[in-house]
Amino acid sequence: MAPSARKPARAWRVLSSPIHGRGVFATRTIRKGETVIEYRGRRTTWEDASGQPESGDDPHHTFLFSLDDGRVIDAAVRGNSARWINHSCAPNCEAYEDERGRVFIAARRTIRAGEELAYDYRLSIDGRVGPRMRKAYACRCGARRCRGTMLA
């Protein structure tokens, strides 16, 4: 393969994270506004996704991404490495949905090689958000202005 036809190196890799479990880290400088990865998985309804088995020791840990049309992407089924991008209250990335309902993660600012990629999950749940729910969705990002929860 000629050098000009070579596929560009991925801008990220999955490693162990100091925030939580696995994380996605930049392998090179990622410029502000650059789309880094698509969030992939099975598209389904909330009802169907809610019926799936929960994640082992942490029933609140899921790989669900809500879409504008009311459905979700369940990255636990046919998902990709985007599911390992952790939450942060001071994110360097943001998620966006295009006109075809595909979700992408893009850099909010320039990200240096070695930095962990993160976006603000801003999760919403039905029902009362009391101390138990805040604890279940506790944030571990370590940001100076951490709000203490992954909830919106």
N, C-alpha and C. Protein backbone atom coordinates (compact mmCIF):
# COMPACT_ATOMS: atom_id res chain seq x y z
N MET A 1 0.85 -1.17 0.00
CA MET A 1 0.00 0.00 0.00
C MET A 1 0.90 1.24 0.00
N ALA A 2 0.62 2.16 -0.86
CA ALA A 2 1.40 3.38 -0.96
C ALA A 2 1.19 4.24 0.28
N PRO A 3 2.21 5.00 0.71
CA PRO A 3 2.06 5.83 1.92
C PRO A 3 0.85 6.75 1.87
N SER A 4 0.53 7.31 0.73
CA SER A 4 -0.60 8.24 0.65
C SER A 4 -1.94 7.51 0.77
N ALA A 5 -1.96 6.20 0.50
CA ALA A 5 -3.19 5.42 0.58
C ALA A 5 -3.36 4.77 1.95
N ARG A 6 -2.39 4.94 2.81
CA ARG A 6 -2.42 4.32 4.13
C ARG A 6 -3.57 4.92 4.96
N LYS A 7 -4.26 4.04 5.65
CA LYS A 7 -5.36 4.47 6.51
C LYS A 7 -4.77 5.24 7.70
N PRO A 8 -5.35 6.41 8.04
CA PRO A 8 -4.80 7.18 9.16
C PRO A 8 -4.91 6.40 10.47
N ALA A 9 -3.92 6.58 11.32
CA ALA A 9 -3.93 5.90 12.62
C ALA A 9 -5.11 6.40 13.45
N ARG A 10 -5.69 5.49 14.22
CA ARG A 10 -6.78 5.88 15.11
C ARG A 10 -6.29 6.93 16.08
N ALA A 11 -7.15 7.84 16.42
CA ALA A 11 -6.80 8.93 17.33
C ALA A 11 -6.94 8.53 18.79
N TRP A 12 -7.30 7.29 19.06
CA TRP A 12 -7.60 6.87 20.43
C TRP A 12 -7.26 5.40 20.64
N ARG A 13 -7.20 5.02 21.92
CA ARG A 13 -7.09 3.61 22.29
C ARG A 13 -7.73 3.42 23.66
N VAL A 14 -8.16 2.20 23.94
CA VAL A 14 -8.82 1.87 25.20
C VAL A 14 -7.76 1.35 26.18
N LEU A 15 -7.76 1.94 27.37
CA LEU A 15 -6.83 1.56 28.43
C LEU A 15 -7.57 1.57 29.77
N SER A 16 -6.91 1.11 30.80
CA SER A 16 -7.45 1.21 32.15
C SER A 16 -7.53 2.69 32.52
N SER A 17 -8.63 3.10 33.18
CA SER A 17 -8.87 4.51 33.47
C SER A 17 -8.79 4.82 34.97
N PRO A 18 -8.20 5.95 35.31
CA PRO A 18 -8.23 6.38 36.72
C PRO A 18 -9.62 6.89 37.13
N ILE A 19 -10.48 7.20 36.15
CA ILE A 19 -11.84 7.66 36.46
C ILE A 19 -12.72 6.47 36.82
N HIS A 20 -12.76 5.47 35.93
CA HIS A 20 -13.62 4.31 36.17
C HIS A 20 -13.33 3.24 35.14
N GLY A 21 -13.03 2.04 35.57
CA GLY A 21 -12.88 0.89 34.67
C GLY A 21 -11.96 1.16 33.49
N ARG A 22 -12.52 1.00 32.31
CA ARG A 22 -11.79 1.29 31.09
C ARG A 22 -12.06 2.73 30.68
N GLY A 23 -11.16 3.27 29.86
CA GLY A 23 -11.33 4.62 29.35
C GLY A 23 -10.74 4.69 27.96
N VAL A 24 -11.04 5.76 27.26
CA VAL A 24 -10.52 5.97 25.91
C VAL A 24 -9.54 7.15 25.98
N PHE A 25 -8.34 6.94 25.45
CA PHE A 25 -7.27 7.92 25.55
C PHE A 25 -6.78 8.32 24.17
N ALA A 26 -6.43 9.60 24.03
CA ALA A 26 -5.91 10.11 22.76
C ALA A 26 -4.53 9.52 22.49
N THR A 27 -4.30 9.09 21.24
CA THR A 27 -2.99 8.58 20.83
C THR A 27 -2.19 9.64 20.09
N ARG A 28 -2.85 10.75 19.78
CA ARG A 28 -2.22 11.87 19.08
C ARG A 28 -3.02 13.11 19.43
N THR A 29 -2.55 14.28 19.03
CA THR A 29 -3.31 15.50 19.24
C THR A 29 -4.61 15.43 18.45
N ILE A 30 -5.70 15.76 19.10
CA ILE A 30 -7.01 15.81 18.47
C ILE A 30 -7.44 17.27 18.51
N ARG A 31 -7.69 17.83 17.38
CA ARG A 31 -8.02 19.26 17.28
C ARG A 31 -9.47 19.53 17.69
N LYS A 32 -9.70 20.72 18.23
CA LYS A 32 -11.03 21.17 18.60
C LYS A 32 -11.96 21.03 17.39
N GLY A 33 -13.13 20.43 17.62
CA GLY A 33 -14.12 20.25 16.56
C GLY A 33 -13.98 18.96 15.79
N GLU A 34 -12.87 18.26 15.97
CA GLU A 34 -12.65 17.01 15.23
C GLU A 34 -13.57 15.91 15.76
N THR A 35 -14.24 15.20 14.86
CA THR A 35 -15.03 14.05 15.26
C THR A 35 -14.07 12.90 15.52
N VAL A 36 -14.21 12.28 16.69
CA VAL A 36 -13.26 11.27 17.13
C VAL A 36 -13.76 9.86 16.83
N ILE A 37 -15.03 9.59 17.14
CA ILE A 37 -15.56 8.23 17.01
C ILE A 37 -17.08 8.29 16.98
N GLU A 38 -17.68 7.32 16.32
CA GLU A 38 -19.13 7.16 16.35
C GLU A 38 -19.51 6.25 17.50
N TYR A 39 -20.60 6.56 18.19
CA TYR A 39 -21.13 5.70 19.26
C TYR A 39 -22.04 4.68 18.59
N ARG A 40 -21.62 3.43 18.59
CA ARG A 40 -22.37 2.40 17.88
C ARG A 40 -22.95 1.36 18.82
N GLY A 41 -23.96 0.69 18.32
CA GLY A 41 -24.60 -0.38 19.06
C GLY A 41 -25.97 -0.65 18.46
N ARG A 42 -26.69 -1.55 19.10
CA ARG A 42 -28.03 -1.90 18.63
C ARG A 42 -28.99 -0.77 18.94
N ARG A 43 -29.80 -0.41 17.95
CA ARG A 43 -30.84 0.60 18.14
C ARG A 43 -32.11 -0.12 18.58
N THR A 44 -32.67 0.38 19.67
CA THR A 44 -33.83 -0.29 20.23
C THR A 44 -34.67 0.72 21.01
N THR A 45 -35.74 0.24 21.60
CA THR A 45 -36.60 1.10 22.43
C THR A 45 -36.08 1.08 23.87
N TRP A 46 -36.46 2.09 24.63
CA TRP A 46 -36.11 2.12 26.05
C TRP A 46 -36.68 0.89 26.75
N GLU A 47 -37.90 0.55 26.39
CA GLU A 47 -38.56 -0.59 27.02
C GLU A 47 -37.77 -1.88 26.80
N ASP A 48 -37.35 -2.11 25.57
CA ASP A 48 -36.57 -3.31 25.25
C ASP A 48 -35.21 -3.27 25.95
N ALA A 49 -34.54 -2.13 25.92
CA ALA A 49 -33.23 -2.01 26.54
C ALA A 49 -33.32 -2.19 28.05
N SER A 50 -34.41 -1.73 28.66
CA SER A 50 -34.58 -1.87 30.11
C SER A 50 -34.76 -3.32 30.52
N GLY A 51 -35.17 -4.17 29.60
CA GLY A 51 -35.36 -5.58 29.90
C GLY A 51 -34.09 -6.40 29.82
N GLN A 52 -32.98 -5.77 29.41
CA GLN A 52 -31.71 -6.48 29.28
C GLN A 52 -31.10 -6.70 30.66
N PRO A 53 -30.29 -7.77 30.80
CA PRO A 53 -29.62 -8.01 32.09
C PRO A 53 -28.74 -6.82 32.46
N GLU A 54 -28.65 -6.56 33.75
CA GLU A 54 -27.85 -5.44 34.23
C GLU A 54 -26.39 -5.84 34.31
N SER A 55 -25.53 -4.85 34.45
CA SER A 55 -24.09 -5.04 34.46
C SER A 55 -23.61 -5.48 35.83
N GLY A 56 -23.48 -6.77 36.04
CA GLY A 56 -22.86 -7.38 37.22
C GLY A 56 -23.07 -6.67 38.54
N ASP A 57 -21.96 -6.16 39.11
CA ASP A 57 -21.97 -5.55 40.44
C ASP A 57 -22.62 -4.17 40.46
N ASP A 58 -22.79 -3.55 39.31
CA ASP A 58 -23.31 -2.18 39.26
C ASP A 58 -24.52 -2.12 38.33
N PRO A 59 -25.73 -2.28 38.86
CA PRO A 59 -26.92 -2.29 38.02
C PRO A 59 -27.20 -0.95 37.34
N HIS A 60 -26.54 0.13 37.78
CA HIS A 60 -26.75 1.44 37.19
C HIS A 60 -25.77 1.71 36.05
N HIS A 61 -24.86 0.79 35.83
CA HIS A 61 -23.86 0.95 34.76
C HIS A 61 -24.42 0.33 33.47
N THR A 62 -24.69 1.19 32.51
CA THR A 62 -25.22 0.72 31.23
C THR A 62 -24.45 1.38 30.10
N PHE A 63 -24.73 0.93 28.89
CA PHE A 63 -24.12 1.51 27.70
C PHE A 63 -25.21 2.08 26.80
N LEU A 64 -26.22 2.71 27.39
CA LEU A 64 -27.35 3.24 26.64
C LEU A 64 -27.15 4.72 26.33
N PHE A 65 -27.45 5.08 25.10
CA PHE A 65 -27.35 6.47 24.67
C PHE A 65 -28.69 6.85 24.06
N SER A 66 -29.38 7.82 24.64
CA SER A 66 -30.71 8.17 24.14
C SER A 66 -30.62 9.02 22.88
N LEU A 67 -31.57 8.77 21.98
CA LEU A 67 -31.65 9.46 20.69
C LEU A 67 -32.83 10.42 20.68
N ASP A 68 -32.77 11.39 19.79
CA ASP A 68 -33.83 12.40 19.70
C ASP A 68 -35.19 11.80 19.37
N ASP A 69 -35.22 10.64 18.68
CA ASP A 69 -36.50 10.04 18.30
C ASP A 69 -37.11 9.16 19.39
N GLY A 70 -36.47 9.12 20.59
CA GLY A 70 -37.01 8.36 21.71
C GLY A 70 -36.41 6.97 21.85
N ARG A 71 -35.69 6.51 20.85
CA ARG A 71 -35.04 5.22 20.95
C ARG A 71 -33.68 5.38 21.66
N VAL A 72 -32.96 4.27 21.80
CA VAL A 72 -31.63 4.30 22.40
C VAL A 72 -30.67 3.48 21.55
N ILE A 73 -29.39 3.79 21.70
CA ILE A 73 -28.34 2.94 21.17
C ILE A 73 -27.84 2.15 22.37
N ASP A 74 -27.90 0.82 22.26
CA ASP A 74 -27.42 -0.06 23.32
C ASP A 74 -26.05 -0.59 22.89
N ALA A 75 -24.98 0.03 23.39
CA ALA A 75 -23.63 -0.36 22.99
C ALA A 75 -23.17 -1.65 23.65
N ALA A 76 -23.99 -2.22 24.53
CA ALA A 76 -23.66 -3.54 25.09
C ALA A 76 -23.89 -4.62 24.04
N VAL A 77 -24.65 -4.28 22.98
CA VAL A 77 -24.93 -5.21 21.88
C VAL A 77 -24.37 -4.58 20.61
N ARG A 78 -23.36 -5.19 20.03
CA ARG A 78 -22.69 -4.71 18.81
C ARG A 78 -22.10 -3.31 18.97
N GLY A 79 -21.73 -2.96 20.19
CA GLY A 79 -21.14 -1.65 20.45
C GLY A 79 -19.67 -1.61 20.08
N ASN A 80 -19.12 -0.43 20.11
CA ASN A 80 -17.70 -0.26 19.81
C ASN A 80 -16.99 0.39 21.01
N SER A 81 -15.78 0.82 20.79
CA SER A 81 -14.97 1.37 21.88
C SER A 81 -15.50 2.68 22.45
N ALA A 82 -16.40 3.36 21.75
CA ALA A 82 -16.97 4.61 22.26
C ALA A 82 -17.68 4.38 23.59
N ARG A 83 -18.15 3.17 23.84
CA ARG A 83 -18.86 2.89 25.08
C ARG A 83 -17.97 3.04 26.31
N TRP A 84 -16.65 3.04 26.11
CA TRP A 84 -15.70 3.16 27.22
C TRP A 84 -15.33 4.60 27.52
N ILE A 85 -15.87 5.58 26.80
CA ILE A 85 -15.57 6.98 27.10
C ILE A 85 -16.30 7.34 28.38
N ASN A 86 -15.54 7.79 29.35
CA ASN A 86 -16.09 8.09 30.67
C ASN A 86 -16.72 9.48 30.74
N HIS A 87 -17.46 9.68 31.82
CA HIS A 87 -18.10 10.96 32.12
C HIS A 87 -17.11 11.90 32.78
N SER A 88 -17.28 13.19 32.54
CA SER A 88 -16.56 14.22 33.29
C SER A 88 -17.44 15.46 33.40
N CYS A 89 -17.34 16.14 34.53
CA CYS A 89 -18.04 17.41 34.72
C CYS A 89 -17.29 18.55 34.02
N ALA A 90 -16.06 18.29 33.60
CA ALA A 90 -15.25 19.25 32.83
C ALA A 90 -14.77 18.52 31.57
N PRO A 91 -15.70 18.19 30.67
CA PRO A 91 -15.38 17.32 29.53
C PRO A 91 -14.52 17.99 28.46
N ASN A 92 -13.74 17.15 27.78
CA ASN A 92 -12.97 17.64 26.63
C ASN A 92 -13.65 17.25 25.32
N CYS A 93 -14.74 16.48 25.41
CA CYS A 93 -15.50 16.04 24.24
C CYS A 93 -16.98 16.33 24.46
N GLU A 94 -17.74 16.21 23.36
CA GLU A 94 -19.19 16.32 23.44
C GLU A 94 -19.79 15.36 22.41
N ALA A 95 -20.98 14.92 22.71
CA ALA A 95 -21.69 14.03 21.79
C ALA A 95 -22.66 14.86 20.97
N TYR A 96 -22.84 14.44 19.71
CA TYR A 96 -23.86 15.08 18.88
C TYR A 96 -24.52 14.02 18.01
N GLU A 97 -25.78 14.27 17.68
CA GLU A 97 -26.55 13.37 16.83
C GLU A 97 -26.75 14.05 15.49
N ASP A 98 -26.45 13.35 14.42
CA ASP A 98 -26.62 13.95 13.09
C ASP A 98 -28.05 13.75 12.59
N GLU A 99 -28.33 14.26 11.40
CA GLU A 99 -29.69 14.22 10.85
C GLU A 99 -30.18 12.80 10.57
N ARG A 100 -29.28 11.83 10.51
CA ARG A 100 -29.67 10.44 10.28
C ARG A 100 -29.79 9.64 11.58
N GLY A 101 -29.62 10.32 12.71
CA GLY A 101 -29.75 9.64 14.00
C GLY A 101 -28.50 8.91 14.44
N ARG A 102 -27.38 9.22 13.84
CA ARG A 102 -26.11 8.63 14.25
C ARG A 102 -25.47 9.55 15.29
N VAL A 103 -24.83 8.96 16.29
CA VAL A 103 -24.22 9.72 17.38
C VAL A 103 -22.70 9.67 17.23
N PHE A 104 -22.09 10.84 17.38
CA PHE A 104 -20.64 10.97 17.27
C PHE A 104 -20.10 11.70 18.49
N ILE A 105 -18.84 11.43 18.79
CA ILE A 105 -18.14 12.13 19.86
C ILE A 105 -17.10 13.02 19.20
N ALA A 106 -17.11 14.31 19.56
CA ALA A 106 -16.20 15.29 18.97
C ALA A 106 -15.46 16.04 20.07
N ALA A 107 -14.28 16.54 19.73
CA ALA A 107 -13.46 17.29 20.68
C ALA A 107 -14.03 18.69 20.91
N ARG A 108 -14.22 19.07 22.16
CA ARG A 108 -14.67 20.42 22.53
C ARG A 108 -13.50 21.40 22.54
N ARG A 109 -12.32 20.86 22.70
CA ARG A 109 -11.09 21.65 22.73
C ARG A 109 -9.97 20.77 22.19
N THR A 110 -8.79 21.33 22.00
CA THR A 110 -7.66 20.52 21.58
C THR A 110 -7.31 19.55 22.70
N ILE A 111 -7.14 18.29 22.34
CA ILE A 111 -6.83 17.23 23.30
C ILE A 111 -5.44 16.71 22.96
N ARG A 112 -4.58 16.65 23.93
CA ARG A 112 -3.20 16.20 23.73
C ARG A 112 -3.11 14.68 23.84
N ALA A 113 -2.12 14.11 23.16
CA ALA A 113 -1.86 12.66 23.25
C ALA A 113 -1.72 12.28 24.72
N GLY A 114 -2.36 11.17 25.10
CA GLY A 114 -2.30 10.68 26.46
C GLY A 114 -3.46 11.10 27.33
N GLU A 115 -4.20 12.15 26.94
CA GLU A 115 -5.36 12.60 27.73
C GLU A 115 -6.51 11.62 27.56
N GLU A 116 -7.26 11.43 28.65
CA GLU A 116 -8.46 10.61 28.57
C GLU A 116 -9.59 11.43 27.97
N LEU A 117 -10.32 10.82 27.05
CA LEU A 117 -11.50 11.46 26.45
C LEU A 117 -12.67 11.31 27.42
N ALA A 118 -13.47 12.36 27.53
CA ALA A 118 -14.64 12.31 28.41
C ALA A 118 -15.67 13.32 27.92
N TYR A 119 -16.93 12.98 28.14
CA TYR A 119 -18.02 13.93 27.87
C TYR A 119 -18.98 13.90 29.05
N ASP A 120 -19.81 14.90 29.15
CA ASP A 120 -20.77 15.02 30.25
C ASP A 120 -21.99 14.18 29.90
N TYR A 121 -22.22 13.11 30.64
CA TYR A 121 -23.34 12.22 30.36
C TYR A 121 -24.68 12.92 30.54
N ARG A 122 -24.80 13.79 31.53
CA ARG A 122 -26.06 14.49 31.82
C ARG A 122 -27.24 13.52 31.80
N LEU A 123 -27.11 12.44 32.56
CA LEU A 123 -28.13 11.40 32.61
C LEU A 123 -29.42 11.92 33.22
N SER A 124 -30.53 11.40 32.74
CA SER A 124 -31.82 11.71 33.35
C SER A 124 -32.49 10.39 33.71
N ILE A 125 -33.15 10.39 34.84
CA ILE A 125 -33.83 9.19 35.31
C ILE A 125 -35.25 9.57 35.70
N ASP A 126 -36.12 8.58 35.66
CA ASP A 126 -37.50 8.80 36.09
C ASP A 126 -37.56 8.69 37.61
N GLY A 127 -38.43 9.45 38.20
CA GLY A 127 -38.63 9.36 39.64
C GLY A 127 -37.80 10.34 40.43
N ARG A 128 -37.88 10.16 41.72
CA ARG A 128 -37.21 11.05 42.67
C ARG A 128 -35.70 10.83 42.65
N VAL A 129 -34.97 11.93 42.69
CA VAL A 129 -33.51 11.85 42.76
C VAL A 129 -33.11 12.22 44.18
N GLY A 130 -32.98 11.20 44.99
CA GLY A 130 -32.57 11.41 46.38
C GLY A 130 -31.13 10.97 46.58
N PRO A 131 -30.71 10.92 47.82
CA PRO A 131 -29.32 10.55 48.13
C PRO A 131 -28.91 9.18 47.57
N ARG A 132 -29.81 8.22 47.60
CA ARG A 132 -29.49 6.88 47.09
C ARG A 132 -29.20 6.92 45.59
N MET A 133 -30.02 7.66 44.84
CA MET A 133 -29.80 7.75 43.40
C MET A 133 -28.54 8.57 43.09
N ARG A 134 -28.31 9.63 43.84
CA ARG A 134 -27.08 10.41 43.62
C ARG A 134 -25.85 9.53 43.86
N LYS A 135 -25.92 8.68 44.88
CA LYS A 135 -24.79 7.78 45.17
C LYS A 135 -24.63 6.76 44.05
N ALA A 136 -25.75 6.25 43.55
CA ALA A 136 -25.70 5.24 42.48
C ALA A 136 -25.09 5.83 41.21
N TYR A 137 -25.29 7.12 40.99
CA TYR A 137 -24.75 7.80 39.81
C TYR A 137 -23.66 8.80 40.18
N ALA A 138 -22.87 8.45 41.19
CA ALA A 138 -21.80 9.33 41.66
C ALA A 138 -20.77 9.54 40.56
N CYS A 139 -20.25 10.75 40.52
CA CYS A 139 -19.21 11.11 39.55
C CYS A 139 -17.84 10.88 40.18
N ARG A 140 -16.93 10.39 39.37
CA ARG A 140 -15.56 10.13 39.83
C ARG A 140 -14.54 10.90 39.01
N CYS A 141 -14.99 11.96 38.35
CA CYS A 141 -14.13 12.65 37.38
C CYS A 141 -12.97 13.41 38.01
N GLY A 142 -13.13 13.91 39.23
CA GLY A 142 -12.06 14.64 39.89
C GLY A 142 -11.89 16.08 39.43
N ALA A 143 -12.82 16.59 38.62
CA ALA A 143 -12.72 17.98 38.15
C ALA A 143 -12.84 18.95 39.32
N ARG A 144 -12.20 20.12 39.21
CA ARG A 144 -12.25 21.12 40.27
C ARG A 144 -13.69 21.50 40.61
N ARG A 145 -14.55 21.59 39.61
CA ARG A 145 -15.95 21.95 39.84
C ARG A 145 -16.88 20.77 39.61
N CYS A 146 -16.47 19.62 40.05
CA CYS A 146 -17.28 18.41 39.89
C CYS A 146 -18.60 18.60 40.64
N ARG A 147 -19.71 18.25 39.98
CA ARG A 147 -21.02 18.40 40.63
C ARG A 147 -21.38 17.18 41.46
N GLY A 148 -20.52 16.14 41.42
CA GLY A 148 -20.71 14.98 42.28
C GLY A 148 -21.62 13.91 41.72
N THR A 149 -22.21 14.13 40.56
CA THR A 149 -23.12 13.16 39.96
C THR A 149 -23.04 13.21 38.46
N MET A 150 -23.35 12.08 37.82
CA MET A 150 -23.42 12.03 36.36
C MET A 150 -24.81 12.45 35.87
N LEU A 151 -25.73 12.68 36.82
CA LEU A 151 -27.09 13.09 36.47
C LEU A 151 -27.10 14.56 36.02
N ALA A 152 -28.06 14.87 35.16
CA ALA A 152 -28.19 16.25 34.64
C ALA A 152 -28.55 17.21 35.75
